[in-house]
Amino acid sequence: KASINGKTVNVLFDTGAISIVSRNAAKRVGLIDDEKVMTPAGTVF
């Protein structure tokens, strides 16, 4: 368990990955209430 902006989220440890937040989780914790704050950052895989 971790928290983003005070809201609890489950995190998965993956030593071979870059750290990401799913779009659904980002919406749930209020990171993208306004999609204008989103800056494109390429692709993840």
PDB file of all heavy atoms in Angstrom:
ATOM      1  N   LYS A   1       0.860  -1.187   0.000  1.00  0.00           N
ATOM      2  CA  LYS A   1       0.000   0.000   0.000  1.00  0.00           C
ATOM      3  C   LYS A   1       0.894   1.234   0.000  1.00  0.00           C
ATOM      4  O   LYS A   1       1.931   1.268   0.657  1.00  0.00           O
ATOM      5  CB  LYS A   1      -0.895   0.028   1.235  1.00  0.00           C
ATOM      6  CG  LYS A   1      -1.808  -1.162   1.351  1.00  0.00           C
ATOM      7  CD  LYS A   1      -3.170  -0.829   0.873  1.00  0.00           C
ATOM      8  CE  LYS A   1      -4.098  -2.014   1.092  1.00  0.00           C
ATOM      9  NZ  LYS A   1      -4.998  -2.190  -0.008  1.00  0.00           N
ATOM     10  N   ALA A   2       0.486   2.238  -0.755  1.00  0.00           N
ATOM     11  CA  ALA A   2       1.173   3.531  -0.790  1.00  0.00           C
ATOM     12  C   ALA A   2       0.087   4.586  -0.835  1.00  0.00           C
ATOM     13  O   ALA A   2      -1.108   4.268  -0.834  1.00  0.00           O
ATOM     14  CB  ALA A   2       2.078   3.624  -2.020  1.00  0.00           C
ATOM     15  N   SER A   3       0.482   5.844  -0.860  1.00  0.00           N
ATOM     16  CA  SER A   3      -0.528   6.891  -1.045  1.00  0.00           C
ATOM     17  C   SER A   3      -0.010   7.935  -2.015  1.00  0.00           C
ATOM     18  O   SER A   3       1.185   8.245  -2.055  1.00  0.00           O
ATOM     19  CB  SER A   3      -0.937   7.527   0.282  1.00  0.00           C
ATOM     20  OG  SER A   3       0.085   8.339   0.786  1.00  0.00           O
ATOM     21  N   ILE A   4      -0.937   8.422  -2.810  1.00  0.00           N
ATOM     22  CA  ILE A   4      -0.675   9.520  -3.744  1.00  0.00           C
ATOM     23  C   ILE A   4      -1.614  10.645  -3.343  1.00  0.00           C
ATOM     24  O   ILE A   4      -2.835  10.450  -3.304  1.00  0.00           O
ATOM     25  CB  ILE A   4      -0.927   9.097  -5.203  1.00  0.00           C
ATOM     26  CG1 ILE A   4       0.010   7.957  -5.595  1.00  0.00           C
ATOM     27  CG2 ILE A   4      -0.775  10.285  -6.143  1.00  0.00           C
ATOM     28  CD1 ILE A   4      -0.266   7.358  -6.961  1.00  0.00           C
ATOM     29  N   ASN A   5      -1.015  11.773  -3.015  1.00  0.00           N
ATOM     30  CA  ASN A   5      -1.794  12.937  -2.569  1.00  0.00           C
ATOM     31  C   ASN A   5      -2.778  12.566  -1.463  1.00  0.00           C
ATOM     32  O   ASN A   5      -3.916  13.013  -1.429  1.00  0.00           O
ATOM     33  CB  ASN A   5      -2.526  13.593  -3.737  1.00  0.00           C
ATOM     34  CG  ASN A   5      -1.564  14.204  -4.735  1.00  0.00           C
ATOM     35  OD1 ASN A   5      -0.372  14.342  -4.466  1.00  0.00           O
ATOM     36  ND2 ASN A   5      -2.065  14.575  -5.895  1.00  0.00           N
ATOM     37  N   GLY A   6      -2.321  11.681  -0.546  1.00  0.00           N
ATOM     38  CA  GLY A   6      -3.118  11.302   0.611  1.00  0.00           C
ATOM     39  C   GLY A   6      -4.148  10.222   0.366  1.00  0.00           C
ATOM     40  O   GLY A   6      -4.862   9.839   1.291  1.00  0.00           O
ATOM     41  N   LYS A   7      -4.245   9.683  -0.847  1.00  0.00           N
ATOM     42  CA  LYS A   7      -5.224   8.639  -1.155  1.00  0.00           C
ATOM     43  C   LYS A   7      -4.492   7.318  -1.383  1.00  0.00           C
ATOM     44  O   LYS A   7      -3.512   7.257  -2.105  1.00  0.00           O
ATOM     45  CB  LYS A   7      -6.049   9.019  -2.367  1.00  0.00           C
ATOM     46  CG  LYS A   7      -6.885  10.260  -2.096  1.00  0.00           C
ATOM     47  CD  LYS A   7      -7.777  10.596  -3.246  1.00  0.00           C
ATOM     48  CE  LYS A   7      -8.572  11.846  -2.883  1.00  0.00           C
ATOM     49  NZ  LYS A   7      -9.212  12.430  -4.026  1.00  0.00           N
ATOM     50  N   THR A   8      -5.005   6.246  -0.763  1.00  0.00           N
ATOM     51  CA  THR A   8      -4.349   4.942  -0.791  1.00  0.00           C
ATOM     52  C   THR A   8      -4.458   4.280  -2.164  1.00  0.00           C
ATOM     53  O   THR A   8      -5.514   4.303  -2.788  1.00  0.00           O
ATOM     54  CB  THR A   8      -4.966   4.025   0.279  1.00  0.00           C
ATOM     55  OG1 THR A   8      -4.801   4.637   1.556  1.00  0.00           O
ATOM     56  CG2 THR A   8      -4.292   2.661   0.289  1.00  0.00           C
ATOM     57  N   VAL A   9      -3.336   3.707  -2.573  1.00  0.00           N
ATOM     58  CA  VAL A   9      -3.286   2.922  -3.810  1.00  0.00           C
ATOM     59  C   VAL A   9      -2.477   1.655  -3.527  1.00  0.00           C
ATOM     60  O   VAL A   9      -1.656   1.622  -2.615  1.00  0.00           O
ATOM     61  CB  VAL A   9      -2.617   3.703  -4.975  1.00  0.00           C
ATOM     62  CG1 VAL A   9      -3.462   4.880  -5.400  1.00  0.00           C
ATOM     63  CG2 VAL A   9      -1.205   4.142  -4.623  1.00  0.00           C
ATOM     64  N   ASN A  10      -2.739   0.602  -4.303  1.00  0.00           N
ATOM     65  CA  ASN A  10      -1.900  -0.590  -4.271  1.00  0.00           C
ATOM     66  C   ASN A  10      -0.784  -0.382  -5.272  1.00  0.00           C
ATOM     67  O   ASN A  10      -1.028   0.094  -6.386  1.00  0.00           O
ATOM     68  CB  ASN A  10      -2.698  -1.839  -4.657  1.00  0.00           C
ATOM     69  CG  ASN A  10      -3.570  -2.331  -3.537  1.00  0.00           C
ATOM     70  OD1 ASN A  10      -3.236  -2.221  -2.371  1.00  0.00           O
ATOM     71  ND2 ASN A  10      -4.721  -2.873  -3.886  1.00  0.00           N
ATOM     72  N   VAL A  11       0.445  -0.730  -4.891  1.00  0.00           N
ATOM     73  CA  VAL A  11       1.572  -0.630  -5.815  1.00  0.00           C
ATOM     74  C   VAL A  11       2.155  -2.021  -6.024  1.00  0.00           C
ATOM     75  O   VAL A  11       2.151  -2.856  -5.129  1.00  0.00           O
ATOM     76  CB  VAL A  11       2.664   0.350  -5.312  1.00  0.00           C
ATOM     77  CG1 VAL A  11       2.135   1.766  -5.277  1.00  0.00           C
ATOM     78  CG2 VAL A  11       3.193  -0.037  -3.944  1.00  0.00           C
ATOM     79  N   LEU A  12       2.626  -2.252  -7.236  1.00  0.00           N
ATOM     80  CA  LEU A  12       3.237  -3.516  -7.616  1.00  0.00           C
ATOM     81  C   LEU A  12       4.715  -3.263  -7.815  1.00  0.00           C
ATOM     82  O   LEU A  12       5.092  -2.348  -8.555  1.00  0.00           O
ATOM     83  CB  LEU A  12       2.610  -4.029  -8.919  1.00  0.00           C
ATOM     84  CG  LEU A  12       3.225  -5.255  -9.561  1.00  0.00           C
ATOM     85  CD1 LEU A  12       2.991  -6.490  -8.691  1.00  0.00           C
ATOM     86  CD2 LEU A  12       2.620  -5.480 -10.948  1.00  0.00           C
ATOM     87  N   PHE A  13       5.573  -4.032  -7.144  1.00  0.00           N
ATOM     88  CA  PHE A  13       7.012  -3.883  -7.293  1.00  0.00           C
ATOM     89  C   PHE A  13       7.460  -4.655  -8.526  1.00  0.00           C
ATOM     90  O   PHE A  13       7.180  -5.836  -8.658  1.00  0.00           O
ATOM     91  CB  PHE A  13       7.759  -4.408  -6.060  1.00  0.00           C
ATOM     92  CG  PHE A  13       7.541  -3.572  -4.833  1.00  0.00           C
ATOM     93  CD1 PHE A  13       6.468  -3.785  -4.006  1.00  0.00           C
ATOM     94  CD2 PHE A  13       8.424  -2.550  -4.520  1.00  0.00           C
ATOM     95  CE1 PHE A  13       6.255  -3.008  -2.877  1.00  0.00           C
ATOM     96  CE2 PHE A  13       8.231  -1.764  -3.398  1.00  0.00           C
ATOM     97  CZ  PHE A  13       7.141  -1.990  -2.576  1.00  0.00           C
ATOM     98  N   ASP A  14       8.159  -3.975  -9.424  1.00  0.00           N
ATOM     99  CA  ASP A  14       8.669  -4.598 -10.648  1.00  0.00           C
ATOM    100  C   ASP A  14      10.029  -3.973 -10.918  1.00  0.00           C
ATOM    101  O   ASP A  14      10.118  -2.845 -11.380  1.00  0.00           O
ATOM    102  CB  ASP A  14       7.713  -4.350 -11.807  1.00  0.00           C
ATOM    103  CG  ASP A  14       8.156  -5.028 -13.095  1.00  0.00           C
ATOM    104  OD1 ASP A  14       9.338  -5.425 -13.204  1.00  0.00           O
ATOM    105  OD2 ASP A  14       7.324  -5.150 -14.005  1.00  0.00           O
ATOM    106  N   THR A  15      11.093  -4.708 -10.626  1.00  0.00           N
ATOM    107  CA  THR A  15      12.433  -4.145 -10.747  1.00  0.00           C
ATOM    108  C   THR A  15      12.841  -3.903 -12.186  1.00  0.00           C
ATOM    109  O   THR A  15      13.838  -3.248 -12.443  1.00  0.00           O
ATOM    110  CB  THR A  15      13.478  -5.064 -10.086  1.00  0.00           C
ATOM    111  OG1 THR A  15      13.418  -6.344 -10.710  1.00  0.00           O
ATOM    112  CG2 THR A  15      13.227  -5.184  -8.595  1.00  0.00           C
ATOM    113  N   GLY A  16      12.063  -4.412 -13.144  1.00  0.00           N
ATOM    114  CA  GLY A  16      12.417  -4.220 -14.542  1.00  0.00           C
ATOM    115  C   GLY A  16      11.590  -3.157 -15.226  1.00  0.00           C
ATOM    116  O   GLY A  16      11.579  -3.078 -16.449  1.00  0.00           O
ATOM    117  N   ALA A  17      10.889  -2.343 -14.471  1.00  0.00           N
ATOM    118  CA  ALA A  17       9.972  -1.384 -15.088  1.00  0.00           C
ATOM    119  C   ALA A  17      10.257   0.033 -14.610  1.00  0.00           C
ATOM    120  O   ALA A  17      10.823   0.254 -13.546  1.00  0.00           O
ATOM    121  CB  ALA A  17       8.530  -1.753 -14.746  1.00  0.00           C
ATOM    122  N   ILE A  18       9.823   0.987 -15.409  1.00  0.00           N
ATOM    123  CA  ILE A  18       9.815   2.378 -14.980  1.00  0.00           C
ATOM    124  C   ILE A  18       8.556   2.567 -14.128  1.00  0.00           C
ATOM    125  O   ILE A  18       7.562   1.876 -14.334  1.00  0.00           O
ATOM    126  CB  ILE A  18       9.831   3.329 -16.195  1.00  0.00           C
ATOM    127  CG1 ILE A  18      10.018   4.761 -15.746  1.00  0.00           C
ATOM    128  CG2 ILE A  18       8.584   3.182 -17.039  1.00  0.00           C
ATOM    129  CD1 ILE A  18      10.337   5.711 -16.887  1.00  0.00           C
ATOM    130  N   SER A  19       8.598   3.447 -13.153  1.00  0.00           N
ATOM    131  CA  SER A  19       7.441   3.650 -12.280  1.00  0.00           C
ATOM    132  C   SER A  19       6.333   4.369 -13.041  1.00  0.00           C
ATOM    133  O   SER A  19       6.578   5.371 -13.716  1.00  0.00           O
ATOM    134  CB  SER A  19       7.844   4.472 -11.054  1.00  0.00           C
ATOM    135  OG  SER A  19       8.824   3.773 -10.313  1.00  0.00           O
ATOM    136  N   ILE A  20       5.128   3.830 -12.936  1.00  0.00           N
ATOM    137  CA  ILE A  20       3.969   4.408 -13.618  1.00  0.00           C
ATOM    138  C   ILE A  20       2.758   4.363 -12.701  1.00  0.00           C
ATOM    139  O   ILE A  20       2.737   3.626 -11.713  1.00  0.00           O
ATOM    140  CB  ILE A  20       3.622   3.663 -14.930  1.00  0.00           C
ATOM    141  CG1 ILE A  20       3.273   2.203 -14.644  1.00  0.00           C
ATOM    142  CG2 ILE A  20       4.745   3.763 -15.940  1.00  0.00           C
ATOM    143  CD1 ILE A  20       2.680   1.462 -15.837  1.00  0.00           C
ATOM    144  N   VAL A  21       1.761   5.158 -13.020  1.00  0.00           N
ATOM    145  CA  VAL A  21       0.448   5.115 -12.372  1.00  0.00           C
ATOM    146  C   VAL A  21      -0.547   4.891 -13.499  1.00  0.00           C
ATOM    147  O   VAL A  21      -0.495   5.597 -14.516  1.00  0.00           O
ATOM    148  CB  VAL A  21       0.127   6.447 -11.642  1.00  0.00           C
ATOM    149  CG1 VAL A  21      -1.275   6.413 -11.059  1.00  0.00           C
ATOM    150  CG2 VAL A  21       1.148   6.746 -10.572  1.00  0.00           C
ATOM    151  N   SER A  22      -1.441   3.928 -13.331  1.00  0.00           N
ATOM    152  CA  SER A  22      -2.429   3.700 -14.378  1.00  0.00           C
ATOM    153  C   SER A  22      -3.310   4.938 -14.528  1.00  0.00           C
ATOM    154  O   SER A  22      -3.489   5.718 -13.580  1.00  0.00           O
ATOM    155  CB  SER A  22      -3.286   2.474 -14.059  1.00  0.00           C
ATOM    156  OG  SER A  22      -4.189   2.766 -13.010  1.00  0.00           O
ATOM    157  N   ARG A  23      -3.872   5.121 -15.708  1.00  0.00           N
ATOM    158  CA  ARG A  23      -4.739   6.280 -15.943  1.00  0.00           C
ATOM    159  C   ARG A  23      -5.955   6.233 -15.029  1.00  0.00           C
ATOM    160  O   ARG A  23      -6.365   7.258 -14.487  1.00  0.00           O
ATOM    161  CB  ARG A  23      -5.143   6.311 -17.414  1.00  0.00           C
ATOM    162  CG  ARG A  23      -5.804   7.599 -17.788  1.00  0.00           C
ATOM    163  CD  ARG A  23      -5.978   7.705 -19.279  1.00  0.00           C
ATOM    164  NE  ARG A  23      -6.766   8.877 -19.564  1.00  0.00           N
ATOM    165  CZ  ARG A  23      -6.598   9.632 -20.606  1.00  0.00           C
ATOM    166  NH1 ARG A  23      -5.657   9.339 -21.476  1.00  0.00           N
ATOM    167  NH2 ARG A  23      -7.360  10.670 -20.814  1.00  0.00           N
ATOM    168  N   ASN A  24      -6.517   5.036 -14.801  1.00  0.00           N
ATOM    169  CA  ASN A  24      -7.665   4.921 -13.901  1.00  0.00           C
ATOM    170  C   ASN A  24      -7.307   5.322 -12.477  1.00  0.00           C
ATOM    171  O   ASN A  24      -8.068   6.025 -11.810  1.00  0.00           O
ATOM    172  CB  ASN A  24      -8.231   3.496 -13.918  1.00  0.00           C
ATOM    173  CG  ASN A  24      -8.985   3.194 -15.191  1.00  0.00           C
ATOM    174  OD1 ASN A  24      -9.402   4.098 -15.912  1.00  0.00           O
ATOM    175  ND2 ASN A  24      -9.152   1.915 -15.490  1.00  0.00           N
ATOM    176  N   ALA A  25      -6.135   4.867 -11.990  1.00  0.00           N
ATOM    177  CA  ALA A  25      -5.709   5.238 -10.636  1.00  0.00           C
ATOM    178  C   ALA A  25      -5.436   6.739 -10.557  1.00  0.00           C
ATOM    179  O   ALA A  25      -5.780   7.380  -9.564  1.00  0.00           O
ATOM    180  CB  ALA A  25      -4.467   4.453 -10.226  1.00  0.00           C
ATOM    181  N   ALA A  26      -4.834   7.307 -11.602  1.00  0.00           N
ATOM    182  CA  ALA A  26      -4.560   8.747 -11.621  1.00  0.00           C
ATOM    183  C   ALA A  26      -5.855   9.545 -11.518  1.00  0.00           C
ATOM    184  O   ALA A  26      -5.935  10.541 -10.792  1.00  0.00           O
ATOM    185  CB  ALA A  26      -3.791   9.125 -12.884  1.00  0.00           C
ATOM    186  N   LYS A  27      -6.882   9.100 -12.210  1.00  0.00           N
ATOM    187  CA  LYS A  27      -8.187   9.773 -12.119  1.00  0.00           C
ATOM    188  C   LYS A  27      -8.771   9.609 -10.718  1.00  0.00           C
ATOM    189  O   LYS A  27      -9.289  10.554 -10.137  1.00  0.00           O
ATOM    190  CB  LYS A  27      -9.157   9.214 -13.155  1.00  0.00           C
ATOM    191  CG  LYS A  27      -8.888   9.706 -14.553  1.00  0.00           C
ATOM    192  CD  LYS A  27      -9.928   9.171 -15.527  1.00  0.00           C
ATOM    193  CE  LYS A  27      -9.652   9.708 -16.918  1.00  0.00           C
ATOM    194  NZ  LYS A  27     -10.638   9.241 -17.901  1.00  0.00           N
ATOM    195  N   ARG A  28      -8.680   8.378 -10.173  1.00  0.00           N
ATOM    196  CA  ARG A  28      -9.273   8.094  -8.860  1.00  0.00           C
ATOM    197  C   ARG A  28      -8.668   8.941  -7.750  1.00  0.00           C
ATOM    198  O   ARG A  28      -9.359   9.374  -6.840  1.00  0.00           O
ATOM    199  CB  ARG A  28      -9.121   6.602  -8.536  1.00  0.00           C
ATOM    200  CG  ARG A  28      -9.837   6.191  -7.252  1.00  0.00           C
ATOM    201  CD  ARG A  28      -9.810   4.698  -7.022  1.00  0.00           C
ATOM    202  NE  ARG A  28      -8.494   4.131  -6.865  1.00  0.00           N
ATOM    203  CZ  ARG A  28      -7.747   4.222  -5.758  1.00  0.00           C
ATOM    204  NH1 ARG A  28      -8.187   4.879  -4.715  1.00  0.00           N
ATOM    205  NH2 ARG A  28      -6.570   3.641  -5.702  1.00  0.00           N
ATOM    206  N   VAL A  29      -7.356   9.197  -7.813  1.00  0.00           N
ATOM    207  CA  VAL A  29      -6.709   9.970  -6.744  1.00  0.00           C
ATOM    208  C   VAL A  29      -6.658  11.467  -7.060  1.00  0.00           C
ATOM    209  O   VAL A  29      -6.069  12.238  -6.321  1.00  0.00           O
ATOM    210  CB  VAL A  29      -5.289   9.441  -6.415  1.00  0.00           C
ATOM    211  CG1 VAL A  29      -5.345   7.989  -5.975  1.00  0.00           C
ATOM    212  CG2 VAL A  29      -4.326   9.630  -7.563  1.00  0.00           C
ATOM    213  N   GLY A  30      -7.276  11.855  -8.174  1.00  0.00           N
ATOM    214  CA  GLY A  30      -7.388  13.284  -8.486  1.00  0.00           C
ATOM    215  C   GLY A  30      -6.199  13.903  -9.194  1.00  0.00           C
ATOM    216  O   GLY A  30      -6.057  15.124  -9.201  1.00  0.00           O
ATOM    217  N   LEU A  31      -5.332  13.073  -9.790  1.00  0.00           N
ATOM    218  CA  LEU A  31      -4.182  13.641 -10.493  1.00  0.00           C
ATOM    219  C   LEU A  31      -4.575  14.286 -11.817  1.00  0.00           C
ATOM    220  O   LEU A  31      -3.900  15.198 -12.285  1.00  0.00           O
ATOM    221  CB  LEU A  31      -3.123  12.560 -10.767  1.00  0.00           C
ATOM    222  CG  LEU A  31      -2.385  12.006  -9.561  1.00  0.00           C
ATOM    223  CD1 LEU A  31      -1.393  10.946 -10.009  1.00  0.00           C
ATOM    224  CD2 LEU A  31      -1.682  13.110  -8.788  1.00  0.00           C
ATOM    225  N   ILE A  32      -5.640  13.792 -12.423  1.00  0.00           N
ATOM    226  CA  ILE A  32      -6.022  14.331 -13.732  1.00  0.00           C
ATOM    227  C   ILE A  32      -7.489  14.739 -13.764  1.00  0.00           C
ATOM    228  O   ILE A  32      -8.223  14.410 -14.687  1.00  0.00           O
ATOM    229  CB  ILE A  32      -5.677  13.361 -14.893  1.00  0.00           C
ATOM    230  CG1 ILE A  32      -6.222  11.954 -14.648  1.00  0.00           C
ATOM    231  CG2 ILE A  32      -4.186  13.314 -15.130  1.00  0.00           C
ATOM    232  CD1 ILE A  32      -5.975  10.988 -15.808  1.00  0.00           C
ATOM    233  N   ASP A  33      -7.901  15.499 -12.744  1.00  0.00           N
ATOM    234  CA  ASP A  33      -9.242  16.083 -12.793  1.00  0.00           C
ATOM    235  C   ASP A  33      -9.337  17.010 -13.998  1.00  0.00           C
ATOM    236  O   ASP A  33     -10.362  17.119 -14.640  1.00  0.00           O
ATOM    237  CB  ASP A  33      -9.536  16.873 -11.509  1.00  0.00           C
ATOM    238  CG  ASP A  33      -9.695  15.941 -10.305  1.00  0.00           C
ATOM    239  OD1 ASP A  33     -10.009  14.754 -10.510  1.00  0.00           O
ATOM    240  OD2 ASP A  33      -9.493  16.410  -9.178  1.00  0.00           O
ATOM    241  N   ASP A  34      -8.244  17.685 -14.286  1.00  0.00           N
ATOM    242  CA  ASP A  34      -8.156  18.589 -15.434  1.00  0.00           C
ATOM    243  C   ASP A  34      -7.093  18.032 -16.371  1.00  0.00           C
ATOM    244  O   ASP A  34      -5.900  18.094 -16.072  1.00  0.00           O
ATOM    245  CB  ASP A  34      -7.775  19.996 -14.967  1.00  0.00           C
ATOM    246  CG  ASP A  34      -7.567  20.971 -16.111  1.00  0.00           C
ATOM    247  OD1 ASP A  34      -7.816  20.596 -17.272  1.00  0.00           O
ATOM    248  OD2 ASP A  34      -7.138  22.107 -15.838  1.00  0.00           O
ATOM    249  N   GLU A  35      -7.506  17.471 -17.507  1.00  0.00           N
ATOM    250  CA  GLU A  35      -6.552  16.817 -18.406  1.00  0.00           C
ATOM    251  C   GLU A  35      -5.587  17.801 -19.057  1.00  0.00           C
ATOM    252  O   GLU A  35      -4.631  17.388 -19.706  1.00  0.00           O
ATOM    253  CB  GLU A  35      -7.302  15.963 -19.439  1.00  0.00           C
ATOM    254  CG  GLU A  35      -8.018  14.811 -18.744  1.00  0.00           C
ATOM    255  CD  GLU A  35      -8.384  13.665 -19.663  1.00  0.00           C
ATOM    256  OE1 GLU A  35      -7.915  13.625 -20.806  1.00  0.00           O
ATOM    257  OE2 GLU A  35      -9.133  12.798 -19.198  1.00  0.00           O
ATOM    258  N   LYS A  36      -5.756  19.094 -18.846  1.00  0.00           N
ATOM    259  CA  LYS A  36      -4.825  20.089 -19.383  1.00  0.00           C
ATOM    260  C   LYS A  36      -3.481  20.027 -18.674  1.00  0.00           C
ATOM    261  O   LYS A  36      -2.488  20.532 -19.185  1.00  0.00           O
ATOM    262  CB  LYS A  36      -5.419  21.492 -19.269  1.00  0.00           C
ATOM    263  CG  LYS A  36      -6.633  21.700 -20.153  1.00  0.00           C
ATOM    264  CD  LYS A  36      -7.228  23.070 -19.934  1.00  0.00           C
ATOM    265  CE  LYS A  36      -8.543  23.162 -20.690  1.00  0.00           C
ATOM    266  NZ  LYS A  36      -9.300  24.323 -20.291  1.00  0.00           N
ATOM    267  N   VAL A  37      -3.428  19.400 -17.478  1.00  0.00           N
ATOM    268  CA  VAL A  37      -2.163  19.306 -16.744  1.00  0.00           C
ATOM    269  C   VAL A  37      -1.300  18.157 -17.256  1.00  0.00           C
ATOM    270  O   VAL A  37      -0.160  18.004 -16.838  1.00  0.00           O
ATOM    271  CB  VAL A  37      -2.377  19.134 -15.220  1.00  0.00           C
ATOM    272  CG1 VAL A  37      -3.162  20.293 -14.648  1.00  0.00           C
ATOM    273  CG2 VAL A  37      -3.042  17.808 -14.895  1.00  0.00           C
ATOM    274  N   MET A  38      -1.825  17.347 -18.177  1.00  0.00           N
ATOM    275  CA  MET A  38      -1.107  16.183 -18.696  1.00  0.00           C
ATOM    276  C   MET A  38      -0.125  16.614 -19.786  1.00  0.00           C
ATOM    277  O   MET A  38      -0.498  17.285 -20.733  1.00  0.00           O
ATOM    278  CB  MET A  38      -2.096  15.157 -19.258  1.00  0.00           C
ATOM    279  CG  MET A  38      -3.040  14.607 -18.196  1.00  0.00           C
ATOM    280  SD  MET A  38      -4.402  13.602 -18.860  1.00  0.00           S
ATOM    281  CE  MET A  38      -3.510  12.271 -19.621  1.00  0.00           C
ATOM    282  N   THR A  39       1.143  16.218 -19.618  1.00  0.00           N
ATOM    283  CA  THR A  39       2.176  16.496 -20.618  1.00  0.00           C
ATOM    284  C   THR A  39       2.553  15.188 -21.304  1.00  0.00           C
ATOM    285  O   THR A  39       2.950  14.234 -20.624  1.00  0.00           O
ATOM    286  CB  THR A  39       3.436  17.088 -19.936  1.00  0.00           C
ATOM    287  OG1 THR A  39       3.069  18.244 -19.202  1.00  0.00           O
ATOM    288  CG2 THR A  39       4.504  17.417 -20.960  1.00  0.00           C
ATOM    289  N   PRO A  40       2.426  15.094 -22.648  1.00  0.00           N
ATOM    290  CA  PRO A  40       2.782  13.845 -23.327  1.00  0.00           C
ATOM    291  C   PRO A  40       4.223  13.439 -23.023  1.00  0.00           C
ATOM    292  O   PRO A  40       5.125  14.273 -22.982  1.00  0.00           O
ATOM    293  CB  PRO A  40       2.619  14.182 -24.811  1.00  0.00           C
ATOM    294  CG  PRO A  40       1.664  15.329 -24.832  1.00  0.00           C
ATOM    295  CD  PRO A  40       1.955  16.120 -23.579  1.00  0.00           C
ATOM    296  N   ALA A  41       4.417  12.111 -22.791  1.00  0.00           N
ATOM    297  CA  ALA A  41       5.743  11.609 -22.435  1.00  0.00           C
ATOM    298  C   ALA A  41       6.121  10.377 -23.247  1.00  0.00           C
ATOM    299  O   ALA A  41       6.858   9.523 -22.782  1.00  0.00           O
ATOM    300  CB  ALA A  41       5.789  11.306 -20.942  1.00  0.00           C
ATOM    301  N   GLY A  42       5.591  10.251 -24.450  1.00  0.00           N
ATOM    302  CA  GLY A  42       5.951   9.107 -25.296  1.00  0.00           C
ATOM    303  C   GLY A  42       5.099   7.899 -25.005  1.00  0.00           C
ATOM    304  O   GLY A  42       3.919   8.017 -24.674  1.00  0.00           O
ATOM    305  N   THR A  43       5.717   6.719 -25.102  1.00  0.00           N
ATOM    306  CA  THR A  43       4.983   5.473 -24.884  1.00  0.00           C
ATOM    307  C   THR A  43       5.627   4.662 -23.769  1.00  0.00           C
ATOM    308  O   THR A  43       6.799   4.832 -23.449  1.00  0.00           O
ATOM    309  CB  THR A  43       4.968   4.605 -26.166  1.00  0.00           C
ATOM    310  OG1 THR A  43       6.310   4.352 -26.560  1.00  0.00           O
ATOM    311  CG2 THR A  43       4.228   5.289 -27.297  1.00  0.00           C
ATOM    312  N   VAL A  44       4.826   3.796 -23.164  1.00  0.00           N
ATOM    313  CA  VAL A  44       5.325   2.839 -22.172  1.00  0.00           C
ATOM    314  C   VAL A  44       5.060   1.440 -22.708  1.00  0.00           C
ATOM    315  O   VAL A  44       4.119   1.228 -23.470  1.00  0.00           O
ATOM    316  CB  VAL A  44       4.667   3.019 -20.782  1.00  0.00           C
ATOM    317  CG1 VAL A  44       5.070   4.324 -20.161  1.00  0.00           C
ATOM    318  CG2 VAL A  44       3.159   2.903 -20.862  1.00  0.00           C
ATOM    319  N   PHE A  45       5.904   0.497 -22.333  1.00  0.00           N
ATOM    320  CA  PHE A  45       5.755  -0.882 -22.783  1.00  0.00           C
ATOM    321  C   PHE A  45       6.407  -1.801 -21.779  1.00  0.00           C
ATOM    322  O   PHE A  45       7.184  -1.365 -20.937  1.00  0.00           O
ATOM    323  CB  PHE A  45       6.371  -1.087 -24.172  1.00  0.00           C
ATOM    324  CG  PHE A  45       7.805  -0.641 -24.250  1.00  0.00           C
ATOM    325  CD1 PHE A  45       8.832  -1.523 -23.979  1.00  0.00           C
ATOM    326  CD2 PHE A  45       8.120   0.672 -24.574  1.00  0.00           C
ATOM    327  CE1 PHE A  45      10.154  -1.113 -24.037  1.00  0.00           C
ATOM    328  CE2 PHE A  45       9.433   1.089 -24.635  1.00  0.00           C
ATOM    329  CZ  PHE A  45      10.456   0.199 -24.365  1.00  0.00           C
TER     330      PHE A  45
END
